[in-house]
Protein backbone atom coordinates (compact mmCIF):
# COMPACT_ATOMS: atom_id res chain seq x y z
CA MET A 1 0.00 0.00 0.00
CA ASN A 2 1.42 3.36 -0.97
CA GLY A 3 2.30 5.73 1.81
CA MET A 4 0.49 8.97 2.44
CA GLU A 5 1.35 12.19 0.75
CA LYS A 6 -0.04 15.66 0.49
CA SER A 7 -2.47 15.75 -2.43
CA ASP A 8 -1.24 17.76 -5.40
CA THR A 9 -3.36 20.52 -6.84
CA GLY A 10 -4.00 21.45 -10.42
CA ILE A 11 -3.22 18.03 -11.88
CA VAL A 12 -6.70 16.57 -12.13
CA ALA A 13 -9.34 17.21 -14.73
CA LYS A 14 -11.54 20.25 -14.20
CA LYS A 15 -14.65 18.31 -15.19
CA ALA A 16 -17.26 18.01 -12.43
CA ALA A 17 -18.43 14.63 -11.23
CA ASN A 18 -21.15 13.09 -13.27
CA LYS A 19 -22.74 12.47 -10.93
CA GLY A 20 -53.40 1.77 -22.09
CA ARG A 21 -54.87 1.40 -25.19
CA SER A 22 -58.03 -0.68 -25.28
CA ARG A 23 -58.05 -4.15 -26.83
CA PRO A 24 -59.17 -4.24 -30.48
CA ALA A 25 -62.37 -6.09 -31.40
CA GLU A 26 -60.39 -8.56 -33.47
CA LEU A 27 -56.81 -9.65 -32.95
CA PRO A 28 -54.55 -9.08 -35.93
CA GLU A 29 -53.31 -12.07 -37.85
CA PRO A 30 -49.79 -13.11 -36.97
CA SER A 31 -47.08 -11.97 -39.34
CA PRO A 32 -46.04 -14.63 -41.80
CA VAL A 33 -42.80 -16.35 -40.86
CA PRO A 34 -40.29 -16.14 -43.68
CA GLU A 35 -38.75 -19.35 -44.84
CA GLY A 36 -35.09 -20.00 -44.14
CA LYS A 37 -32.71 -20.06 -41.19
CA LEU A 38 -33.81 -17.70 -38.42
CA GLU A 39 -31.80 -18.77 -35.40
CA ASN A 40 -29.18 -16.06 -35.89
CA SER A 41 -31.34 -13.44 -37.64
CA ASN A 42 -31.40 -9.85 -36.47
CA THR A 43 -35.13 -10.17 -35.70
CA VAL A 44 -34.63 -13.11 -33.35
CA ARG A 45 -31.69 -11.42 -31.65
CA ALA A 46 -33.70 -8.22 -31.17
CA ARG A 47 -36.54 -10.19 -29.59
CA ASP A 48 -34.08 -11.96 -27.32
CA ARG A 49 -32.60 -8.65 -26.23
CA VAL A 50 -36.03 -7.24 -25.38
CA ALA A 51 -37.04 -10.35 -23.45
CA VAL A 52 -33.79 -10.38 -21.47
CA GLN A 53 -34.07 -6.68 -20.68
CA GLN A 54 -37.67 -7.03 -19.52
CA GLY A 55 -36.77 -9.94 -17.24
CA ALA A 56 -33.80 -8.05 -15.79
CA ASP A 57 -35.95 -4.96 -15.22
CA ARG A 58 -38.59 -6.98 -13.35
CA LEU A 59 -35.94 -8.52 -11.12
CA ARG A 60 -34.32 -5.14 -10.51
CA GLN A 61 -37.64 -3.59 -9.51
CA PHE A 62 -38.40 -6.47 -7.14
CA VAL A 63 -34.99 -6.10 -5.47
CA LYS A 64 -35.55 -2.37 -5.15
CA ARG A 65 -38.96 -2.87 -3.51
CA LYS A 66 -37.72 -5.54 -1.11
CA PRO A 67 -34.06 -4.80 -0.37
CA LYS A 68 -33.76 -7.26 2.52
CA GLU A 69 -35.58 -10.23 1.04
CA LYS A 70 -33.64 -13.28 -0.11
CA LEU A 71 -34.36 -14.41 -3.64
CA THR A 72 -35.33 -18.08 -3.81
CA THR A 73 -36.29 -18.63 -7.45
CA LEU A 74 -33.84 -17.20 -9.96
CA LEU A 75 -32.75 -19.92 -12.36
CA HIS A 76 -35.88 -19.54 -14.47
CA HIS A 77 -34.29 -16.34 -15.80
CA ILE A 78 -31.83 -18.55 -17.68
CA THR A 79 -33.76 -19.37 -20.84
CA VAL A 80 -32.78 -20.31 -24.37
CA LYS A 81 -33.36 -16.66 -25.28
CA SER A 82 -31.03 -15.41 -22.55
CA LEU A 83 -28.38 -17.97 -23.54
CA ARG A 84 -28.59 -16.87 -27.17
CA HIS A 85 -28.38 -13.23 -26.12
CA ALA A 86 -25.30 -14.05 -24.04
CA PHE A 87 -23.72 -15.97 -26.92
CA TYR A 88 -23.97 -13.02 -29.30
CA ARG A 89 -22.40 -10.72 -26.73
CA LEU A 90 -19.22 -12.81 -26.62
CA LYS A 91 -16.14 -11.87 -28.60
CA ARG A 92 -16.27 -13.74 -31.88
CA LYS A 93 -12.52 -13.94 -32.39
CA ALA A 94 -11.62 -14.95 -28.83
CA ALA A 95 -9.24 -17.85 -28.33
CA PRO A 96 -10.91 -21.18 -27.46
CA GLY A 97 -10.67 -22.79 -24.04
CA VAL A 98 -9.85 -26.39 -23.21
CA ASP A 99 -12.85 -27.54 -25.28
CA GLY A 100 -11.19 -26.18 -28.44
CA VAL A 101 -14.56 -24.88 -29.71
CA THR A 102 -14.60 -21.48 -31.41
CA TRP A 103 -17.49 -19.04 -31.56
CA ALA A 104 -18.05 -19.67 -35.29
CA GLU A 105 -18.13 -23.44 -34.82
CA TYR A 106 -20.67 -23.22 -32.02
CA GLU A 107 -22.96 -20.98 -34.08
CA VAL A 108 -23.60 -23.84 -36.50
CA GLY A 109 -26.79 -25.47 -35.22
CA LEU A 110 -26.99 -22.88 -32.47
CA THR A 111 -30.66 -23.40 -31.54
CA ALA A 112 -30.22 -27.11 -30.90
CA ARG A 113 -26.97 -26.53 -29.00
CA LEU A 114 -28.54 -23.91 -26.74
CA ALA A 115 -31.63 -26.02 -26.10
CA ASP A 116 -29.38 -28.85 -24.95
CA LEU A 117 -27.29 -26.50 -22.83
CA HIS A 118 -30.45 -25.06 -21.27
CA ASP A 119 -31.68 -28.55 -20.37
CA ARG A 120 -28.35 -29.46 -18.76
CA VAL A 121 -28.24 -26.25 -16.71
CA HIS A 122 -31.75 -26.77 -15.34
CA SER A 123 -31.39 -30.51 -14.73
CA GLY A 124 -28.05 -30.16 -12.95
CA ALA A 125 -26.21 -32.15 -15.65
CA TYR A 126 -24.14 -29.14 -16.72
CA ARG A 127 -20.48 -29.45 -15.75
CA ALA A 128 -18.02 -26.57 -15.80
CA MET A 129 -14.71 -27.18 -17.55
CA PRO A 130 -11.31 -25.98 -16.26
CA SER A 131 -9.92 -22.72 -17.61
CA ARG A 132 -6.99 -22.78 -19.97
CA ARG A 133 -4.32 -20.57 -18.40
CA VAL A 134 -2.04 -18.41 -20.51
CA GLU A 135 0.47 -15.75 -19.46
CA ILE A 136 -0.13 -12.23 -20.79
CA PRO A 137 2.89 -9.86 -20.89
CA LYS A 138 2.65 -6.69 -18.78
CA PRO A 139 4.37 -3.34 -19.53
CA ASP A 140 6.86 -3.83 -16.68
CA GLY A 141 8.15 -7.07 -18.20
CA SER A 142 6.27 -9.42 -15.89
CA THR A 143 3.28 -11.52 -16.90
CA ARG A 144 -0.32 -11.76 -15.78
CA PRO A 145 -2.14 -15.11 -15.73
CA LEU A 146 -5.32 -15.18 -17.79
CA GLY A 147 -7.88 -17.97 -17.68
CA ILE A 148 -9.72 -18.77 -20.91
CA ALA A 149 -13.00 -20.55 -20.22
CA ALA A 150 -14.68 -23.09 -22.46
CA LEU A 151 -17.29 -21.57 -24.77
CA GLU A 152 -20.35 -23.04 -23.04
CA ASP A 153 -19.01 -21.86 -19.69
CA LYS A 154 -18.72 -18.34 -21.13
CA ILE A 155 -22.31 -18.49 -22.38
CA VAL A 156 -23.82 -19.62 -19.08
CA GLN A 157 -21.64 -17.22 -17.06
CA ALA A 158 -22.68 -14.29 -19.24
CA ALA A 159 -26.36 -15.23 -18.94
CA VAL A 160 -26.15 -15.52 -15.14
CA ALA A 161 -24.29 -12.21 -14.90
CA ILE A 162 -26.68 -10.32 -17.20
CA CYS A 163 -29.99 -11.83 -16.08
CA ILE A 164 -29.41 -12.48 -12.36
CA LEU A 165 -26.36 -10.95 -10.70
CA LEU A 166 -26.28 -7.51 -12.31
CA PRO A 167 -30.00 -6.73 -11.75
CA ILE A 168 -29.61 -7.71 -8.08
CA TYR A 169 -26.32 -6.06 -7.21
CA GLU A 170 -26.64 -2.85 -9.21
CA GLU A 171 -29.28 -2.00 -6.61
CA GLU A 172 -26.87 -3.00 -3.81
CA PHE A 173 -23.55 -1.43 -4.83
CA LEU A 174 -22.61 1.97 -3.41
CA ASP A 175 -22.12 5.11 -5.47
CA PHE A 176 -18.34 5.27 -5.03
CA SER A 177 -17.89 1.84 -6.68
CA TYR A 178 -16.70 1.97 -10.29
CA GLY A 179 -15.29 -0.56 -12.73
CA PHE A 180 -17.14 -3.46 -14.42
CA ARG A 181 -20.39 -1.59 -13.92
CA TYR A 182 -22.91 -0.16 -16.36
CA LYS A 183 -22.07 3.45 -17.27
CA ARG A 184 -19.46 3.70 -14.48
CA LYS A 185 -16.15 3.62 -16.31
CA ALA A 186 -12.63 4.80 -15.53
CA HIS A 187 -13.32 8.39 -16.62
CA ASP A 188 -16.34 8.52 -14.32
CA ALA A 189 -14.14 7.45 -11.41
CA LEU A 190 -11.59 10.13 -12.32
CA ASP A 191 -14.35 12.73 -12.48
CA ALA A 192 -15.56 11.73 -9.02
CA LEU A 193 -12.03 11.91 -7.63
CA ALA A 194 -11.44 15.31 -9.23
CA TYR A 195 -14.66 16.62 -7.73
CA ALA A 196 -13.72 15.33 -4.28
CA ILE A 197 -10.26 16.91 -4.39
CA GLU A 198 -11.38 20.26 -5.78
CA ARG A 199 -14.78 20.72 -4.12
CA THR A 200 -14.40 19.05 -0.72
CA LYS A 201 -11.92 19.31 2.14
CA VAL A 202 -9.48 16.67 0.90
CA ASN A 203 -5.89 17.35 1.98
CA TRP A 204 -4.44 13.84 2.30
CA ILE A 205 -4.64 10.80 0.05
CA VAL A 206 -4.26 7.06 0.60
CA ASP A 207 -3.76 5.32 -2.74
CA ALA A 208 -4.13 1.52 -2.64
CA ASP A 209 -4.52 -1.53 -4.81
CA ILE A 210 -4.78 -5.21 -3.99
CA ARG A 211 -1.98 -7.30 -5.42
CA SER A 212 -3.15 -10.54 -7.12
CA PHE A 213 -6.68 -9.86 -5.95
CA PHE A 214 -8.42 -12.24 -8.35
CA ASP A 215 -6.05 -15.02 -7.27
CA MET A 216 -6.51 -14.36 -3.54
CA VAL A 217 -10.30 -14.06 -3.16
CA ASP A 218 -11.58 -16.30 -0.37
CA GLN A 219 -14.15 -18.48 -2.11
CA GLY A 220 -15.87 -19.47 1.11
CA TRP A 221 -16.54 -15.88 2.10
CA LEU A 222 -17.59 -15.01 -1.46
CA ILE A 223 -20.29 -17.68 -1.36
CA ARG A 224 -21.43 -16.44 2.08
CA PHE A 225 -21.74 -12.92 0.71
CA LEU A 226 -23.78 -14.12 -2.28
CA GLU A 227 -26.08 -16.05 0.03
CA HIS A 228 -27.06 -12.81 1.78
CA ARG A 229 -29.34 -12.15 -1.21
CA ILE A 230 -29.41 -15.34 -3.29
CA ALA A 231 -31.24 -18.29 -1.71
CA ASP A 232 -31.65 -20.24 -4.96
CA LYS A 233 -29.26 -23.14 -4.36
CA ARG A 234 -29.13 -23.94 -8.07
CA VAL A 235 -27.56 -20.57 -8.84
CA ILE A 236 -25.12 -20.92 -5.95
CA ARG A 237 -24.13 -24.39 -7.18
CA LEU A 238 -23.45 -22.99 -10.65
CA ILE A 239 -21.09 -20.37 -9.22
CA ILE A 240 -19.34 -22.96 -7.07
CA LYS A 241 -18.82 -25.12 -10.15
CA TRP A 242 -17.02 -22.26 -11.90
CA LEU A 243 -14.91 -21.45 -8.86
CA LYS A 244 -13.89 -25.10 -8.35
CA ALA A 245 -13.41 -26.03 -12.03
CA GLY A 246 -9.64 -25.70 -11.79
CA VAL A 247 -7.02 -24.52 -14.24
CA MET A 248 -5.37 -26.39 -17.10
CA GLU A 249 -1.76 -25.24 -17.47
CA ALA A 250 0.75 -26.94 -19.78
CA GLY A 251 -1.50 -29.98 -19.91
CA VAL A 252 -1.69 -30.29 -16.10
CA LEU A 253 -4.96 -29.81 -14.23
CA ARG A 254 -4.58 -27.77 -11.05
CA ASP A 255 -7.20 -27.22 -8.37
CA SER A 256 -8.41 -23.68 -7.66
CA PRO A 257 -9.12 -23.49 -3.90
CA MET A 258 -8.79 -19.69 -3.90
CA GLY A 259 -9.61 -16.83 -6.20
CA THR A 260 -11.79 -16.32 -9.24
CA PRO A 261 -10.31 -17.06 -12.68
CA GLN A 262 -8.98 -13.93 -14.36
CA GLY A 263 -10.56 -13.54 -17.77
CA ALA A 264 -13.76 -15.41 -16.84
CA VAL A 265 -16.97 -13.60 -17.77
CA ILE A 266 -18.36 -14.01 -14.26
CA SER A 267 -15.25 -12.83 -12.37
CA PRO A 268 -15.78 -9.03 -12.56
CA ILE A 269 -19.22 -9.09 -10.96
CA LEU A 270 -18.05 -11.62 -8.33
CA ALA A 271 -15.08 -9.37 -7.53
CA ASN A 272 -17.37 -6.39 -7.05
CA VAL A 273 -19.67 -8.40 -4.78
CA TYR A 274 -16.70 -9.47 -2.63
CA LEU A 275 -15.25 -5.96 -2.33
CA HIS A 276 -18.70 -4.51 -1.68
CA TYR A 277 -18.86 -6.48 1.54
CA VAL A 278 -15.24 -6.49 2.70
CA LEU A 279 -14.31 -2.90 1.80
CA ASP A 280 -17.17 -0.67 0.71
CA LEU A 281 -19.61 -1.45 3.53
CA TRP A 282 -16.82 -1.55 6.12
CA TYR A 283 -15.71 1.95 5.11
CA ASP A 284 -19.16 3.47 4.55
CA LYS A 285 -21.16 1.99 7.42
CA ARG A 286 -18.47 1.57 10.05
CA TRP A 287 -15.15 3.37 9.64
CA ARG A 288 -16.39 6.68 8.21
CA VAL A 289 -19.21 6.90 10.75
CA ARG A 290 -17.47 5.66 13.90
CA VAL A 291 -13.79 6.53 13.46
CA ALA A 292 -13.20 9.50 11.15
CA TRP A 293 -13.04 12.99 12.67
CA GLY A 294 -13.00 14.99 9.46
CA GLU A 295 -14.42 14.62 5.97
CA THR A 296 -13.45 11.54 3.95
CA CYS A 297 -14.27 10.15 0.54
CA LEU A 298 -13.54 6.91 -1.30
CA VAL A 299 -13.41 6.10 -5.01
CA ARG A 300 -12.97 2.43 -5.92
CA TYR A 301 -12.32 1.14 -9.41
CA ALA A 302 -12.42 -2.67 -9.22
CA ASP A 303 -9.53 -3.63 -6.88
CA ASP A 304 -7.85 -0.18 -6.97
CA PHE A 305 -9.11 2.53 -4.63
CA VAL A 306 -8.26 6.04 -3.49
CA VAL A 307 -9.37 7.48 -0.14
CA GLY A 308 -9.26 11.22 0.55
CA PHE A 309 -9.09 12.78 4.02
CA GLN A 310 -9.45 16.22 5.49
CA ARG A 311 -7.14 15.38 8.42
CA LYS A 312 -3.76 13.70 8.42
CA HIS A 313 -4.66 11.80 11.58
CA ASP A 314 -7.62 10.17 9.82
CA ALA A 315 -5.42 9.11 6.90
CA GLN A 316 -2.92 7.52 9.27
CA ARG A 317 -5.66 5.80 11.25
CA PHE A 318 -7.35 4.47 8.12
CA LEU A 319 -4.08 3.07 6.79
CA ARG A 320 -3.48 1.32 10.09
CA ASP A 321 -7.05 0.04 10.49
CA LEU A 322 -7.14 -1.23 6.92
CA CYS A 323 -4.04 -3.35 7.46
CA VAL A 324 -5.35 -4.66 10.79
CA THR A 325 -8.77 -5.47 9.37
CA TYR A 326 -7.24 -7.41 6.51
CA ARG A 327 -4.23 -8.76 8.37
CA HIS A 328 -4.80 -12.25 6.99
CA GLY A 329 -4.40 -10.89 3.49
CA GLY A 330 -2.22 -7.93 4.38
CA GLU A 331 0.77 -9.20 2.47
CA SER A 332 -1.21 -8.90 -0.75
CA MET A 333 -1.94 -5.20 -0.13
CA ARG A 334 0.39 -2.50 -1.32
């Protein structure tokens, strides 16, 4: 974790924070269905998108109305339409996982493939495959491990993220959380930080990131956090399957007792859920209210975060309390 330093002035952007018609007497005749292959037509994809959006909106409104209620029936949101919508949101040129199946190959006979996948997901016969690990070069000369999931795993993960997790947790996440969220990108985080520095009483900064965060996530605690809102055991079992699928590296299968696979479609939302409970709520509901003497603010972008303080004493206390609170994982903080 970087040490404290007096915040510079004049080096941040000057941009402020962004912060019934009646039924007809006769029903119209259905439109004729054109002959030919429709499974990947623009019309079908548009209908899928509308259906998925409507389902997500209904779930989001329910969560908003009943913020403390556990959700017991969620898997029905995973339909053939939602799987097809998820498939067409994947990168078409992405490298294949251990299954060796490319996006173009899977599109052939897509309707039958997705119907079979849907049946396996709902019957419990679906099995997650291990990620294929590759090393991606970093600018400093080191490498970053990246897990490439099998294509069907990507499809189901994307459907669960879009149709279940995002509608639930977008109502839960706090306003200072950015990264991997809808319309909350890096520039939005910078705008919020600039506003805090220029318009509030910020004099001291703690700049932190979590080293190897995706590799160090405690899977047991992650599942506990998810179970605060999700009581559908079928959805929980799906997530556990992805977490425990393991990693295939140089032809050797390795277990994955910790972390979430980097590069997996589901990992960003799981990371935000984890940090929402272990960092965001701890700071917002406990530390800022019970400990801080002066004004404070936090801006988090995924596993990187910046905390501003009015008083030097608060900055020092926060740095100390943060390390004590996460002493079991303190060596991974810098």
